[in-house]
Amino acid sequence: MAKPQDINPLVTDANTQNSASVIGSSPQMALSMFYQAVGQAYAITMQNAASTQHNLNMLNTPIVTNAVTAITKAGQGGGGTGAPAPAPAPAPAPHHHS
């Protein structure tokens, strides 16, 4: 049977110190990973917000155009909105100079 050999104390000390170092830096590593994840999530949120704003701005022109068209047609009595056409303006009164 093989005789157990003693391990050099320098090796065990180096291994213990390495393990303690890893365990000691775990909170900092976890926090840095958390900050990275939060930063990335925030960046994606801002990118989505900018994209949504751009898409809404692209819709702005057709929406305003359709609204102006509907108002114009309603003013001409052909809008089909059920709103009565505005009454014509009264004729101006004749002006007499004396």
N, C-alpha and C. Protein backbone atom coordinates (compact mmCIF):
# COMPACT_ATOMS: atom_id res chain seq x y z
N MET A 1 0.84 -1.16 0.00
CA MET A 1 0.00 0.00 0.00
C MET A 1 0.89 1.23 0.00
N ALA A 2 0.44 2.23 -0.75
CA ALA A 2 1.24 3.44 -0.86
C ALA A 2 1.13 4.26 0.40
N LYS A 3 2.23 4.85 0.71
CA LYS A 3 2.29 5.68 1.89
C LYS A 3 1.78 7.08 1.56
N PRO A 4 0.87 7.64 2.39
CA PRO A 4 0.43 9.01 2.09
C PRO A 4 1.60 9.96 2.19
N GLN A 5 1.67 10.84 1.22
CA GLN A 5 2.77 11.79 1.22
C GLN A 5 2.28 13.12 1.79
N ASP A 6 3.16 13.74 2.48
CA ASP A 6 2.83 15.05 3.01
C ASP A 6 2.83 16.07 1.87
N ILE A 7 1.87 16.98 1.96
CA ILE A 7 1.80 18.05 0.96
C ILE A 7 2.53 19.24 1.53
N ASN A 8 3.29 19.84 0.68
CA ASN A 8 4.07 21.00 1.08
C ASN A 8 3.12 22.07 1.63
N PRO A 9 3.37 22.59 2.81
CA PRO A 9 2.49 23.62 3.40
C PRO A 9 2.37 24.87 2.53
N LEU A 10 3.37 25.16 1.72
CA LEU A 10 3.28 26.33 0.84
C LEU A 10 2.16 26.13 -0.20
N VAL A 11 1.99 24.90 -0.66
CA VAL A 11 0.94 24.61 -1.65
C VAL A 11 -0.43 24.77 -1.00
N THR A 12 -0.60 24.21 0.17
CA THR A 12 -1.91 24.32 0.83
C THR A 12 -2.20 25.76 1.20
N ASP A 13 -1.18 26.51 1.60
CA ASP A 13 -1.38 27.91 1.95
C ASP A 13 -1.78 28.72 0.72
N ALA A 14 -1.15 28.48 -0.41
CA ALA A 14 -1.48 29.19 -1.65
C ALA A 14 -2.92 28.87 -2.08
N ASN A 15 -3.30 27.61 -1.94
CA ASN A 15 -4.65 27.20 -2.31
C ASN A 15 -5.69 27.86 -1.39
N THR A 16 -5.40 27.89 -0.12
CA THR A 16 -6.31 28.51 0.85
C THR A 16 -6.45 30.00 0.58
N GLN A 17 -5.32 30.66 0.32
CA GLN A 17 -5.37 32.09 0.05
C GLN A 17 -6.14 32.39 -1.23
N ASN A 18 -5.98 31.54 -2.23
CA ASN A 18 -6.70 31.73 -3.49
C ASN A 18 -8.20 31.58 -3.27
N SER A 19 -8.60 30.58 -2.52
CA SER A 19 -10.02 30.37 -2.23
C SER A 19 -10.59 31.55 -1.44
N ALA A 20 -9.83 32.02 -0.47
CA ALA A 20 -10.29 33.16 0.33
C ALA A 20 -10.41 34.41 -0.54
N SER A 21 -9.50 34.55 -1.48
CA SER A 21 -9.56 35.71 -2.37
C SER A 21 -10.81 35.67 -3.25
N VAL A 22 -11.11 34.49 -3.79
CA VAL A 22 -12.30 34.34 -4.63
C VAL A 22 -13.56 34.59 -3.82
N ILE A 23 -13.62 34.01 -2.63
CA ILE A 23 -14.80 34.19 -1.78
C ILE A 23 -14.92 35.65 -1.35
N GLY A 24 -13.80 36.28 -1.06
CA GLY A 24 -13.81 37.68 -0.62
C GLY A 24 -14.24 38.64 -1.71
N SER A 25 -13.96 38.33 -2.97
CA SER A 25 -14.32 39.25 -4.05
C SER A 25 -15.68 38.93 -4.66
N SER A 26 -16.36 37.93 -4.17
CA SER A 26 -17.66 37.55 -4.74
C SER A 26 -18.70 38.67 -4.66
N PRO A 27 -18.85 39.37 -3.53
CA PRO A 27 -19.85 40.44 -3.51
C PRO A 27 -19.58 41.54 -4.54
N GLN A 28 -18.32 41.90 -4.70
CA GLN A 28 -17.99 42.93 -5.69
C GLN A 28 -18.27 42.45 -7.11
N MET A 29 -17.95 41.20 -7.39
CA MET A 29 -18.22 40.65 -8.72
C MET A 29 -19.72 40.60 -8.98
N ALA A 30 -20.47 40.16 -7.98
CA ALA A 30 -21.92 40.07 -8.15
C ALA A 30 -22.52 41.46 -8.38
N LEU A 31 -22.05 42.44 -7.63
CA LEU A 31 -22.57 43.79 -7.79
C LEU A 31 -22.20 44.38 -9.15
N SER A 32 -20.98 44.13 -9.59
CA SER A 32 -20.58 44.65 -10.90
C SER A 32 -21.39 44.00 -12.02
N MET A 33 -21.66 42.70 -11.90
CA MET A 33 -22.49 42.03 -12.90
C MET A 33 -23.92 42.58 -12.87
N PHE A 34 -24.42 42.86 -11.67
CA PHE A 34 -25.75 43.44 -11.54
C PHE A 34 -25.81 44.81 -12.21
N TYR A 35 -24.79 45.66 -11.96
CA TYR A 35 -24.77 46.99 -12.56
C TYR A 35 -24.70 46.89 -14.09
N GLN A 36 -23.94 45.93 -14.59
CA GLN A 36 -23.85 45.75 -16.05
C GLN A 36 -25.21 45.37 -16.62
N ALA A 37 -25.90 44.46 -15.95
CA ALA A 37 -27.22 44.01 -16.43
C ALA A 37 -28.23 45.15 -16.38
N VAL A 38 -28.20 45.93 -15.30
CA VAL A 38 -29.13 47.06 -15.18
C VAL A 38 -28.82 48.11 -16.24
N GLY A 39 -27.55 48.38 -16.46
CA GLY A 39 -27.17 49.35 -17.49
C GLY A 39 -27.62 48.92 -18.87
N GLN A 40 -27.46 47.65 -19.17
CA GLN A 40 -27.88 47.15 -20.48
C GLN A 40 -29.40 47.22 -20.62
N ALA A 41 -30.11 46.85 -19.58
CA ALA A 41 -31.58 46.91 -19.63
C ALA A 41 -32.05 48.35 -19.82
N TYR A 42 -31.41 49.29 -19.13
CA TYR A 42 -31.78 50.70 -19.27
C TYR A 42 -31.50 51.20 -20.68
N ALA A 43 -30.36 50.79 -21.24
CA ALA A 43 -30.02 51.21 -22.60
C ALA A 43 -31.04 50.67 -23.60
N ILE A 44 -31.47 49.44 -23.44
CA ILE A 44 -32.47 48.87 -24.34
C ILE A 44 -33.80 49.60 -24.18
N THR A 45 -34.14 49.96 -22.95
CA THR A 45 -35.38 50.72 -22.71
C THR A 45 -35.33 52.06 -23.43
N MET A 46 -34.22 52.76 -23.35
CA MET A 46 -34.09 54.05 -24.02
C MET A 46 -34.13 53.88 -25.54
N GLN A 47 -33.52 52.81 -26.05
CA GLN A 47 -33.56 52.55 -27.48
C GLN A 47 -34.99 52.29 -27.94
N ASN A 48 -35.74 51.53 -27.16
CA ASN A 48 -37.14 51.27 -27.50
C ASN A 48 -37.96 52.55 -27.45
N ALA A 49 -37.69 53.40 -26.47
CA ALA A 49 -38.43 54.66 -26.37
C ALA A 49 -38.15 55.55 -27.58
N ALA A 50 -36.90 55.63 -28.00
CA ALA A 50 -36.56 56.44 -29.17
C ALA A 50 -37.20 55.87 -30.42
N SER A 51 -37.21 54.56 -30.54
CA SER A 51 -37.84 53.92 -31.70
C SER A 51 -39.34 54.18 -31.73
N THR A 52 -39.98 54.09 -30.57
CA THR A 52 -41.43 54.36 -30.49
C THR A 52 -41.72 55.81 -30.85
N GLN A 53 -40.90 56.72 -30.35
CA GLN A 53 -41.09 58.14 -30.66
C GLN A 53 -40.95 58.37 -32.16
N HIS A 54 -39.97 57.74 -32.77
CA HIS A 54 -39.77 57.88 -34.22
C HIS A 54 -40.99 57.36 -34.98
N ASN A 55 -41.48 56.20 -34.57
CA ASN A 55 -42.64 55.62 -35.25
C ASN A 55 -43.87 56.50 -35.10
N LEU A 56 -44.08 57.09 -33.92
CA LEU A 56 -45.21 57.99 -33.73
C LEU A 56 -45.05 59.26 -34.57
N ASN A 57 -43.83 59.75 -34.69
CA ASN A 57 -43.59 60.92 -35.53
C ASN A 57 -43.86 60.62 -37.00
N MET A 58 -43.59 59.39 -37.41
CA MET A 58 -43.88 59.00 -38.79
C MET A 58 -45.39 58.98 -39.04
N LEU A 59 -46.18 58.67 -38.02
CA LEU A 59 -47.64 58.64 -38.17
C LEU A 59 -48.26 60.03 -38.07
N ASN A 60 -47.52 60.99 -37.56
CA ASN A 60 -48.08 62.32 -37.32
C ASN A 60 -48.62 62.96 -38.59
N THR A 61 -47.87 62.93 -39.68
CA THR A 61 -48.29 63.58 -40.93
C THR A 61 -49.57 62.98 -41.48
N PRO A 62 -49.68 61.65 -41.63
CA PRO A 62 -50.95 61.12 -42.14
C PRO A 62 -52.13 61.39 -41.22
N ILE A 63 -51.91 61.39 -39.92
CA ILE A 63 -53.02 61.65 -38.99
C ILE A 63 -53.52 63.08 -39.16
N VAL A 64 -52.61 64.04 -39.21
CA VAL A 64 -53.01 65.44 -39.39
C VAL A 64 -53.66 65.63 -40.75
N THR A 65 -53.12 64.99 -41.79
CA THR A 65 -53.71 65.11 -43.13
C THR A 65 -55.14 64.59 -43.14
N ASN A 66 -55.37 63.43 -42.53
CA ASN A 66 -56.72 62.87 -42.49
C ASN A 66 -57.66 63.77 -41.68
N ALA A 67 -57.17 64.33 -40.60
CA ALA A 67 -58.02 65.21 -39.78
C ALA A 67 -58.40 66.47 -40.56
N VAL A 68 -57.43 67.08 -41.24
CA VAL A 68 -57.71 68.28 -42.02
C VAL A 68 -58.67 67.96 -43.17
N THR A 69 -58.49 66.81 -43.81
CA THR A 69 -59.40 66.40 -44.88
C THR A 69 -60.81 66.22 -44.35
N ALA A 70 -60.95 65.57 -43.20
CA ALA A 70 -62.28 65.37 -42.61
C ALA A 70 -62.92 66.70 -42.25
N ILE A 71 -62.14 67.63 -41.71
CA ILE A 71 -62.68 68.94 -41.34
C ILE A 71 -63.11 69.70 -42.60
N THR A 72 -62.29 69.62 -43.63
CA THR A 72 -62.61 70.32 -44.88
C THR A 72 -63.88 69.75 -45.50
N LYS A 73 -64.00 68.44 -45.55
CA LYS A 73 -65.20 67.81 -46.11
C LYS A 73 -66.43 68.15 -45.27
N ALA A 74 -66.28 68.18 -43.97
CA ALA A 74 -67.41 68.53 -43.10
C ALA A 74 -67.84 69.96 -43.35
N GLY A 75 -66.89 70.84 -43.61
CA GLY A 75 -67.19 72.24 -43.90
C GLY A 75 -67.91 72.40 -45.22
N GLN A 76 -67.70 71.46 -46.15
CA GLN A 76 -68.35 71.52 -47.45
C GLN A 76 -69.65 70.73 -47.46
N GLY A 77 -69.99 70.13 -46.35
CA GLY A 77 -71.22 69.37 -46.26
C GLY A 77 -71.10 67.95 -46.78
N GLY A 78 -69.93 67.50 -47.11
CA GLY A 78 -69.79 66.15 -47.65
C GLY A 78 -68.96 65.25 -46.78
N GLY A 79 -68.83 65.59 -45.53
CA GLY A 79 -67.96 64.80 -44.66
C GLY A 79 -68.58 63.51 -44.20
N GLY A 80 -69.89 63.42 -44.18
CA GLY A 80 -70.53 62.20 -43.72
C GLY A 80 -70.37 62.00 -42.23
N THR A 81 -70.08 63.05 -41.49
CA THR A 81 -69.88 62.89 -40.05
C THR A 81 -71.16 63.11 -39.28
N GLY A 82 -72.23 63.55 -39.98
CA GLY A 82 -73.48 63.82 -39.29
C GLY A 82 -73.55 65.24 -38.76
N ALA A 83 -72.47 65.96 -38.86
CA ALA A 83 -72.47 67.34 -38.40
C ALA A 83 -73.04 68.22 -39.50
N PRO A 84 -73.90 69.16 -39.17
CA PRO A 84 -74.45 70.03 -40.22
C PRO A 84 -73.39 70.96 -40.77
N ALA A 85 -73.58 71.31 -42.02
CA ALA A 85 -72.65 72.25 -42.65
C ALA A 85 -72.86 73.62 -42.01
N PRO A 86 -71.81 74.40 -41.87
CA PRO A 86 -71.99 75.72 -41.27
C PRO A 86 -72.86 76.60 -42.16
N ALA A 87 -73.62 77.47 -41.53
CA ALA A 87 -74.49 78.39 -42.27
C ALA A 87 -73.64 79.39 -43.03
N PRO A 88 -74.12 79.81 -44.22
CA PRO A 88 -73.34 80.80 -44.96
C PRO A 88 -73.32 82.13 -44.21
N ALA A 89 -72.28 82.86 -44.42
CA ALA A 89 -72.14 84.16 -43.76
C ALA A 89 -73.17 85.13 -44.32
N PRO A 90 -73.75 85.98 -43.50
CA PRO A 90 -74.73 86.95 -44.01
C PRO A 90 -74.05 87.96 -44.93
N ALA A 91 -74.83 88.45 -45.90
CA ALA A 91 -74.29 89.44 -46.84
C ALA A 91 -74.05 90.74 -46.08
N PRO A 92 -72.99 91.44 -46.42
CA PRO A 92 -72.72 92.70 -45.73
C PRO A 92 -73.80 93.74 -46.06
N ALA A 93 -74.10 94.56 -45.10
CA ALA A 93 -75.10 95.62 -45.29
C ALA A 93 -74.54 96.68 -46.22
N PRO A 94 -75.42 97.25 -47.07
CA PRO A 94 -74.92 98.32 -47.97
C PRO A 94 -74.47 99.53 -47.17
N HIS A 95 -73.48 100.17 -47.69
CA HIS A 95 -72.90 101.33 -47.01
C HIS A 95 -73.43 102.59 -47.68
N HIS A 96 -74.06 103.49 -46.96
CA HIS A 96 -74.59 104.74 -47.51
C HIS A 96 -73.78 105.90 -46.98
N HIS A 97 -73.38 106.75 -47.90
CA HIS A 97 -72.67 107.97 -47.50
C HIS A 97 -73.63 109.14 -47.61
N SER A 98 -73.66 109.98 -46.64
CA SER A 98 -74.52 111.15 -46.78
C SER A 98 -73.73 112.42 -46.78
